[in-house]
Amino acid sequence: MTVAPPRGRQERLRDTRARLEGDIDLWLATSNARDGAHLVPLSYLWDGTAFLVATSRASVTARNLLADGRVRLSLGPTRDVVVVDGTAEPVDTGDLGPERGDAFADRTGFDPRTLDQPYQYFLIRPRRVQAWREENELRGRDLMREGRWLD
């Protein structure tokens, strides 16, 4: 297998931002003392500064995020991954606003507002973003620290 040379920071930032804007789904990890680590796939809307996700209010994910807003997200395949550590804050459906709710539904093909089961939205603000393809990109993988892009 031939490994491509490592990307520079600007290329990696450009690729990462394209993934955030272009992808629709991500993996979201939470944890708690009773259930341990919990990982689920969710669809999202990226607004340029934060992710909007929705999950059943009765789910382990919602309970974990309501109790402790720390979250880790992963986007992309294993050999071109973006990992995001962030904080989640709940957004009630009534506070979502029709424009943001419609944007989420249009982007993801899923509208939790129309379901009988109550859903909880969360706004996830990234605190740290890392991206790498292979081992040769581990150095320089940090693209955001303390919520600030490193460009």
C-alpha atoms as a PDB file:
ATOM      1  CA  MET A   1       0.000   0.000   0.000  1.00  0.00           C
ATOM      2  CA  THR A   2       1.294   3.445  -0.935  1.00  0.00           C
ATOM      3  CA  VAL A   3       0.767   6.149   1.666  1.00  0.00           C
ATOM      4  CA  ALA A   4       0.237   9.712   0.461  1.00  0.00           C
ATOM      5  CA  PRO A   5       2.520  12.377   1.895  1.00  0.00           C
ATOM      6  CA  PRO A   6       1.074  14.240   4.882  1.00  0.00           C
ATOM      7  CA  ARG A   7      -1.094  17.268   4.157  1.00  0.00           C
ATOM      8  CA  GLY A   8      -0.116  20.680   5.417  1.00  0.00           C
ATOM      9  CA  ARG A   9      -2.327  22.489   7.914  1.00  0.00           C
ATOM     10  CA  GLN A  10      -4.137  24.645   5.325  1.00  0.00           C
ATOM     11  CA  GLU A  11      -5.024  21.640   3.166  1.00  0.00           C
ATOM     12  CA  ARG A  12      -6.119  19.680   6.199  1.00  0.00           C
ATOM     13  CA  LEU A  13      -8.274  22.591   7.418  1.00  0.00           C
ATOM     14  CA  ARG A  14      -9.843  22.908   3.967  1.00  0.00           C
ATOM     15  CA  ASP A  15     -10.547  19.148   3.806  1.00  0.00           C
ATOM     16  CA  THR A  16     -11.956  19.111   7.341  1.00  0.00           C
ATOM     17  CA  ARG A  17     -14.263  22.066   6.751  1.00  0.00           C
ATOM     18  CA  ALA A  18     -15.463  20.417   3.532  1.00  0.00           C
ATOM     19  CA  ARG A  19     -16.270  17.242   5.480  1.00  0.00           C
ATOM     20  CA  LEU A  20     -18.150  19.171   8.183  1.00  0.00           C
ATOM     21  CA  GLU A  21     -20.197  20.957   5.526  1.00  0.00           C
ATOM     22  CA  GLY A  22     -20.649  17.984   3.181  1.00  0.00           C
ATOM     23  CA  ASP A  23     -21.285  14.964   5.386  1.00  0.00           C
ATOM     24  CA  ILE A  24     -24.723  14.279   6.849  1.00  0.00           C
ATOM     25  CA  ASP A  25     -23.981  11.620   9.478  1.00  0.00           C
ATOM     26  CA  LEU A  26     -21.515  11.244  12.319  1.00  0.00           C
ATOM     27  CA  TRP A  27     -20.743   8.957  15.226  1.00  0.00           C
ATOM     28  CA  LEU A  28     -21.512  10.483  18.638  1.00  0.00           C
ATOM     29  CA  ALA A  29     -19.985   9.085  21.840  1.00  0.00           C
ATOM     30  CA  THR A  30     -21.093   9.825  25.391  1.00  0.00           C
ATOM     31  CA  SER A  31     -20.636   8.042  28.707  1.00  0.00           C
ATOM     32  CA  ASN A  32     -21.949   7.772  32.220  1.00  0.00           C
ATOM     33  CA  ALA A  33     -20.967   5.855  35.340  1.00  0.00           C
ATOM     34  CA  ARG A  34     -23.871   3.409  35.153  1.00  0.00           C
ATOM     35  CA  ASP A  35     -23.947   2.500  31.443  1.00  0.00           C
ATOM     36  CA  GLY A  36     -20.337   3.225  30.485  1.00  0.00           C
ATOM     37  CA  ALA A  37     -19.456   4.395  26.989  1.00  0.00           C
ATOM     38  CA  HIS A  38     -22.260   4.776  24.462  1.00  0.00           C
ATOM     39  CA  LEU A  39     -21.832   5.278  20.697  1.00  0.00           C
ATOM     40  CA  VAL A  40     -24.587   6.077  18.174  1.00  0.00           C
ATOM     41  CA  PRO A  41     -24.807   7.255  14.562  1.00  0.00           C
ATOM     42  CA  LEU A  42     -26.753  10.501  14.150  1.00  0.00           C
ATOM     43  CA  SER A  43     -27.495  12.905  11.346  1.00  0.00           C
ATOM     44  CA  TYR A  44     -26.462  16.526  11.842  1.00  0.00           C
ATOM     45  CA  LEU A  45     -26.656  20.059  10.562  1.00  0.00           C
ATOM     46  CA  TRP A  46     -23.416  22.088  10.619  1.00  0.00           C
ATOM     47  CA  ASP A  47     -23.921  25.864  10.703  1.00  0.00           C
ATOM     48  CA  GLY A  48     -20.250  26.809  10.452  1.00  0.00           C
ATOM     49  CA  THR A  49     -19.736  26.981  14.214  1.00  0.00           C
ATOM     50  CA  ALA A  50     -21.742  24.130  15.773  1.00  0.00           C
ATOM     51  CA  PHE A  51     -23.459  20.815  15.072  1.00  0.00           C
ATOM     52  CA  LEU A  52     -27.193  20.379  15.569  1.00  0.00           C
ATOM     53  CA  VAL A  53     -28.272  16.791  16.325  1.00  0.00           C
ATOM     54  CA  ALA A  54     -31.488  15.219  17.577  1.00  0.00           C
ATOM     55  CA  THR A  55     -32.172  12.011  19.452  1.00  0.00           C
ATOM     56  CA  SER A  56     -35.045  10.432  21.343  1.00  0.00           C
ATOM     57  CA  ARG A  57     -35.471  12.171  24.680  1.00  0.00           C
ATOM     58  CA  ALA A  58     -35.653   8.713  26.327  1.00  0.00           C
ATOM     59  CA  SER A  59     -32.345   7.513  24.823  1.00  0.00           C
ATOM     60  CA  VAL A  60     -29.117   6.863  26.707  1.00  0.00           C
ATOM     61  CA  THR A  61     -27.490   9.516  24.515  1.00  0.00           C
ATOM     62  CA  ALA A  62     -29.991  12.217  25.532  1.00  0.00           C
ATOM     63  CA  ARG A  63     -29.728  11.262  29.211  1.00  0.00           C
ATOM     64  CA  ASN A  64     -25.930  11.378  29.044  1.00  0.00           C
ATOM     65  CA  LEU A  65     -25.845  14.739  27.276  1.00  0.00           C
ATOM     66  CA  LEU A  66     -28.373  16.265  29.669  1.00  0.00           C
ATOM     67  CA  ALA A  67     -26.354  15.058  32.674  1.00  0.00           C
ATOM     68  CA  ASP A  68     -22.895  15.883  31.285  1.00  0.00           C
ATOM     69  CA  GLY A  69     -22.580  17.810  28.042  1.00  0.00           C
ATOM     70  CA  ARG A  70     -19.156  16.406  27.122  1.00  0.00           C
ATOM     71  CA  VAL A  71     -19.255  14.612  23.794  1.00  0.00           C
ATOM     72  CA  ARG A  72     -16.929  13.164  21.161  1.00  0.00           C
ATOM     73  CA  LEU A  73     -17.869  13.043  17.491  1.00  0.00           C
ATOM     74  CA  SER A  74     -16.256  11.223  14.600  1.00  0.00           C
ATOM     75  CA  LEU A  75     -16.776  11.832  10.902  1.00  0.00           C
ATOM     76  CA  GLY A  76     -15.380  10.115   7.846  1.00  0.00           C
ATOM     77  CA  PRO A  77     -13.786   6.759   7.221  1.00  0.00           C
ATOM     78  CA  THR A  78     -11.020   5.315   9.390  1.00  0.00           C
ATOM     79  CA  ARG A  79      -8.297   6.411   6.965  1.00  0.00           C
ATOM     80  CA  ASP A  80      -9.565   9.996   6.692  1.00  0.00           C
ATOM     81  CA  VAL A  81     -11.055  10.737  10.083  1.00  0.00           C
ATOM     82  CA  VAL A  82     -12.140  13.926  11.817  1.00  0.00           C
ATOM     83  CA  VAL A  83     -12.517  13.690  15.608  1.00  0.00           C
ATOM     84  CA  VAL A  84     -14.291  16.448  17.520  1.00  0.00           C
ATOM     85  CA  ASP A  85     -14.443  16.944  21.276  1.00  0.00           C
ATOM     86  CA  GLY A  86     -17.184  19.342  22.238  1.00  0.00           C
ATOM     87  CA  THR A  87     -19.863  20.426  24.639  1.00  0.00           C
ATOM     88  CA  ALA A  88     -23.561  19.907  24.039  1.00  0.00           C
ATOM     89  CA  GLU A  89     -26.373  22.118  25.194  1.00  0.00           C
ATOM     90  CA  PRO A  90     -30.034  21.115  24.906  1.00  0.00           C
ATOM     91  CA  VAL A  91     -32.289  23.048  22.553  1.00  0.00           C
ATOM     92  CA  ASP A  92     -36.003  22.553  23.082  1.00  0.00           C
ATOM     93  CA  THR A  93     -38.095  22.146  19.950  1.00  0.00           C
ATOM     94  CA  GLY A  94     -39.977  25.336  20.801  1.00  0.00           C
ATOM     95  CA  ASP A  95     -36.707  27.270  20.995  1.00  0.00           C
ATOM     96  CA  LEU A  96     -35.359  25.758  17.783  1.00  0.00           C
ATOM     97  CA  GLY A  97     -37.264  28.107  15.518  1.00  0.00           C
ATOM     98  CA  PRO A  98     -38.925  27.041  12.275  1.00  0.00           C
ATOM     99  CA  GLU A  99     -35.996  28.133  10.090  1.00  0.00           C
ATOM    100  CA  ARG A 100     -33.418  26.022  11.942  1.00  0.00           C
ATOM    101  CA  GLY A 101     -35.839  23.093  12.293  1.00  0.00           C
ATOM    102  CA  ASP A 102     -36.584  23.186   8.569  1.00  0.00           C
ATOM    103  CA  ALA A 103     -32.864  23.427   7.729  1.00  0.00           C
ATOM    104  CA  PHE A 104     -32.162  20.350   9.887  1.00  0.00           C
ATOM    105  CA  ALA A 105     -35.005  18.394   8.258  1.00  0.00           C
ATOM    106  CA  ASP A 106     -33.974  19.427   4.729  1.00  0.00           C
ATOM    107  CA  ARG A 107     -30.313  18.555   5.316  1.00  0.00           C
ATOM    108  CA  THR A 108     -30.838  15.220   7.064  1.00  0.00           C
ATOM    109  CA  GLY A 109     -34.095  13.987   5.497  1.00  0.00           C
ATOM    110  CA  PHE A 110     -35.418  13.528   9.034  1.00  0.00           C
ATOM    111  CA  ASP A 111     -37.816  15.806  10.936  1.00  0.00           C
ATOM    112  CA  PRO A 112     -38.133  14.901  14.629  1.00  0.00           C
ATOM    113  CA  ARG A 113     -40.803  17.608  15.048  1.00  0.00           C
ATOM    114  CA  THR A 114     -43.293  15.396  13.185  1.00  0.00           C
ATOM    115  CA  LEU A 115     -42.866  12.322  15.398  1.00  0.00           C
ATOM    116  CA  ASP A 116     -45.130  11.196  18.240  1.00  0.00           C
ATOM    117  CA  GLN A 117     -42.121  10.266  20.373  1.00  0.00           C
ATOM    118  CA  PRO A 118     -40.473  13.339  21.931  1.00  0.00           C
ATOM    119  CA  TYR A 119     -37.034  14.185  20.584  1.00  0.00           C
ATOM    120  CA  GLN A 120     -34.352  16.385  22.091  1.00  0.00           C
ATOM    121  CA  TYR A 121     -32.145  18.614  19.980  1.00  0.00           C
ATOM    122  CA  PHE A 122     -28.584  19.400  21.058  1.00  0.00           C
ATOM    123  CA  LEU A 123     -26.257  22.097  19.833  1.00  0.00           C
ATOM    124  CA  ILE A 124     -22.681  20.815  20.002  1.00  0.00           C
ATOM    125  CA  ARG A 125     -19.910  23.393  20.028  1.00  0.00           C
ATOM    126  CA  PRO A 126     -16.489  22.003  19.106  1.00  0.00           C
ATOM    127  CA  ARG A 127     -13.666  22.602  21.589  1.00  0.00           C
ATOM    128  CA  ARG A 128     -11.036  20.475  19.858  1.00  0.00           C
ATOM    129  CA  VAL A 129     -10.876  19.197  16.278  1.00  0.00           C
ATOM    130  CA  GLN A 130      -8.337  16.706  14.978  1.00  0.00           C
ATOM    131  CA  ALA A 131      -7.943  15.219  11.488  1.00  0.00           C
ATOM    132  CA  TRP A 132      -5.602  12.629  10.025  1.00  0.00           C
ATOM    133  CA  ARG A 133      -5.414   9.976   7.337  1.00  0.00           C
ATOM    134  CA  GLU A 134      -2.474   7.780   8.254  1.00  0.00           C
ATOM    135  CA  GLU A 135       0.240   7.632  10.903  1.00  0.00           C
ATOM    136  CA  ASN A 136       2.264  10.202   8.979  1.00  0.00           C
ATOM    137  CA  GLU A 137      -0.454  12.776   9.723  1.00  0.00           C
ATOM    138  CA  LEU A 138      -0.625  12.232  13.473  1.00  0.00           C
ATOM    139  CA  ARG A 139       1.822  15.086  13.896  1.00  0.00           C
ATOM    140  CA  GLY A 140      -0.133  18.272  13.262  1.00  0.00           C
ATOM    141  CA  ARG A 141      -3.540  16.601  13.644  1.00  0.00           C
ATOM    142  CA  ASP A 142      -4.837  19.344  15.980  1.00  0.00           C
ATOM    143  CA  LEU A 143      -6.815  21.864  13.930  1.00  0.00           C
ATOM    144  CA  MET A 144      -8.791  23.461  16.766  1.00  0.00           C
ATOM    145  CA  ARG A 145      -7.971  23.956  20.434  1.00  0.00           C
ATOM    146  CA  GLU A 146     -10.145  25.587  23.111  1.00  0.00           C
ATOM    147  CA  GLY A 147     -12.767  26.305  20.441  1.00  0.00           C
ATOM    148  CA  ARG A 148     -10.396  28.242  18.148  1.00  0.00           C
ATOM    149  CA  TRP A 149      -9.252  27.153  14.702  1.00  0.00           C
ATOM    150  CA  LEU A 150      -5.463  27.044  14.412  1.00  0.00           C
ATOM    151  CA  ASP A 151      -5.258  28.763  11.031  1.00  0.00           C
END
